[in-house]
Amino acid sequence: MTVRTVIAAAALAMGLASGAQAQGLVRGAEEGAAAGRATGGPIGEIVGGAIGAATGTVNGILGVDTRPRFRSYVVREQRPSYTFGDQVRVGTVLPSDGVTYYEVPAEYGVSGYRYTVINGQPVLVEPGSRRIVEIID
């Protein structure tokens, strides 16, 4: 690979990191970088990280396979739903009062986030910012 290709891959990775919403970007980038490093060395790590970041953004924090199981878990728990007067979407910051956040059980492989139910919709939230990072459909 040429230096120009490496620079383009690095720029792509930086662009994805700054423009993507927190839907598995970091985990996807880490997994992609590890796979790329194993097969292609340092250049494979750069390219794999960029591709993994894009894939992680699409798959979400929970991942495609885990999402239905987690949704079933939330439904079984019968958590009360907070009525929010706006559209529920990724990036929305929830109010500081009135919303109850719950731990995500370790079996789902998600750390650093909480979940709640907004307008009947389970969502993952960053605890510090109260920002919705994934809608569990």
Protein backbone atom coordinates (compact mmCIF):
# COMPACT_ATOMS: atom_id res chain seq x y z
CA MET A 1 0.00 0.00 0.00
CA THR A 2 1.14 3.49 -0.70
CA VAL A 3 1.54 6.29 1.81
CA ARG A 4 -1.37 8.04 0.06
CA THR A 5 -3.65 5.03 0.78
CA VAL A 6 -2.63 4.97 4.45
CA ILE A 7 -3.32 8.70 4.78
CA ALA A 8 -6.72 8.30 3.11
CA ALA A 9 -7.64 5.43 5.45
CA ALA A 10 -6.59 7.45 8.49
CA ALA A 11 -8.62 10.44 7.29
CA LEU A 12 -11.63 8.18 6.80
CA ALA A 13 -11.26 6.83 10.33
CA MET A 14 -11.06 10.35 11.78
CA GLY A 15 -14.06 11.48 9.76
CA LEU A 16 -16.12 8.55 10.96
CA ALA A 17 -15.12 9.18 14.55
CA SER A 18 -16.14 12.82 14.44
CA GLY A 19 -19.32 12.42 12.40
CA ALA A 20 -20.90 9.25 13.71
CA GLN A 21 -23.29 9.07 16.60
CA ALA A 22 -22.38 6.81 19.51
CA GLN A 23 -23.90 3.63 18.12
CA GLY A 24 -21.07 1.18 18.60
CA LEU A 25 -18.44 3.24 16.82
CA VAL A 26 -15.70 2.67 19.39
CA ARG A 27 -16.34 -1.05 19.82
CA GLY A 28 -16.57 -1.54 16.05
CA ALA A 29 -13.33 0.37 15.51
CA GLU A 30 -11.54 -1.63 18.20
CA GLU A 31 -12.70 -4.97 16.83
CA GLY A 32 -11.95 -3.97 13.23
CA ALA A 33 -8.50 -2.71 14.16
CA ALA A 34 -7.69 -5.95 15.99
CA ALA A 35 -8.82 -8.07 13.03
CA GLY A 36 -6.92 -5.85 10.58
CA ARG A 37 -3.76 -5.97 12.70
CA ALA A 38 -3.93 -9.76 12.83
CA THR A 39 -4.14 -10.09 9.04
CA GLY A 40 -2.41 -7.03 7.64
CA GLY A 41 -0.16 -5.50 10.28
CA PRO A 42 -0.21 -1.75 10.99
CA ILE A 43 -1.85 -0.79 7.68
CA GLY A 44 -4.48 -3.50 8.14
CA GLU A 45 -5.12 -2.09 11.60
CA ILE A 46 -5.86 1.38 10.19
CA VAL A 47 -8.13 0.13 7.44
CA GLY A 48 -9.81 -2.46 9.71
CA GLY A 49 -10.45 0.20 12.34
CA ALA A 50 -12.16 2.47 9.82
CA ILE A 51 -14.31 -0.33 8.41
CA GLY A 52 -15.11 -1.64 11.90
CA ALA A 53 -16.15 1.84 13.01
CA ALA A 54 -18.59 2.11 10.13
CA THR A 55 -19.96 -1.37 10.80
CA GLY A 56 -20.24 -0.71 14.53
CA THR A 57 -22.17 2.45 13.80
CA VAL A 58 -24.72 0.47 11.80
CA ASN A 59 -24.96 -2.47 14.23
CA GLY A 60 -25.30 -0.34 17.36
CA ILE A 61 -23.91 -0.74 20.84
CA LEU A 62 -25.87 -3.93 21.55
CA GLY A 63 -25.28 -5.45 18.13
CA VAL A 64 -27.80 -7.00 15.79
CA ASP A 65 -27.87 -10.39 17.55
CA THR A 66 -28.22 -9.04 21.10
CA ARG A 67 -30.82 -6.33 20.48
CA PRO A 68 -33.93 -8.63 20.31
CA ARG A 69 -32.90 -10.47 23.49
CA PHE A 70 -32.33 -7.20 25.32
CA ARG A 71 -35.68 -5.81 24.14
CA SER A 72 -37.42 -8.95 25.46
CA TYR A 73 -35.61 -8.47 28.77
CA VAL A 74 -36.80 -4.87 29.07
CA VAL A 75 -40.39 -5.88 28.25
CA ARG A 76 -40.29 -8.64 30.92
CA GLU A 77 -39.00 -6.16 33.49
CA GLN A 78 -42.09 -3.94 32.91
CA ARG A 79 -40.26 -0.72 33.68
CA PRO A 80 -42.47 2.37 33.76
CA SER A 81 -42.32 4.54 30.66
CA TYR A 82 -41.42 8.22 30.93
CA THR A 83 -43.64 10.45 28.79
CA PHE A 84 -41.42 12.72 26.73
CA GLY A 85 -42.97 15.56 24.76
CA ASP A 86 -40.59 15.28 21.83
CA GLN A 87 -39.54 12.66 19.30
CA VAL A 88 -37.37 9.84 20.70
CA ARG A 89 -34.18 9.75 18.63
CA VAL A 90 -30.45 9.17 19.01
CA GLY A 91 -28.75 12.29 20.33
CA THR A 92 -31.74 13.56 22.33
CA VAL A 93 -30.79 14.65 25.84
CA LEU A 94 -33.33 13.53 28.42
CA PRO A 95 -34.43 15.71 31.34
CA SER A 96 -32.49 15.54 34.59
CA ASP A 97 -35.64 14.96 36.66
CA GLY A 98 -38.28 12.28 36.40
CA VAL A 99 -36.45 9.70 34.28
CA THR A 100 -35.28 6.51 35.99
CA TYR A 101 -32.20 4.78 34.57
CA TYR A 102 -31.43 1.09 35.04
CA GLU A 103 -28.26 -0.99 34.84
CA VAL A 104 -27.80 -3.13 31.73
CA PRO A 105 -27.18 -6.71 32.92
CA ALA A 106 -23.63 -7.94 32.25
CA GLU A 107 -24.89 -10.76 30.01
CA TYR A 108 -25.58 -8.20 27.25
CA GLY A 109 -21.93 -7.10 27.08
CA VAL A 110 -22.63 -3.38 27.43
CA SER A 111 -20.83 -1.29 30.01
CA GLY A 112 -20.89 2.42 30.64
CA TYR A 113 -24.52 2.87 29.60
CA ARG A 114 -27.91 2.66 31.30
CA TYR A 115 -31.32 1.98 29.84
CA THR A 116 -34.73 3.49 30.34
CA VAL A 117 -38.10 3.48 28.62
CA ILE A 118 -39.23 6.68 26.88
CA ASN A 119 -42.71 6.91 25.31
CA GLY A 120 -42.89 3.12 25.46
CA GLN A 121 -39.55 2.74 23.63
CA PRO A 122 -36.50 1.17 25.35
CA VAL A 123 -33.35 3.25 24.86
CA LEU A 124 -29.69 3.15 25.90
CA VAL A 125 -28.42 6.34 27.49
CA GLU A 126 -25.03 7.79 28.42
CA PRO A 127 -25.43 8.31 32.17
CA GLY A 128 -23.34 11.49 32.47
CA SER A 129 -24.96 13.39 29.63
CA ARG A 130 -28.39 11.66 29.66
CA ARG A 131 -28.06 11.48 25.86
CA ILE A 132 -29.84 8.68 24.00
CA VAL A 133 -27.22 6.61 22.18
CA GLU A 134 -29.34 3.73 20.90
CA ILE A 135 -33.03 3.06 20.39
CA ILE A 136 -33.90 -0.58 20.98
CA ASP A 137 -36.41 -1.53 18.30
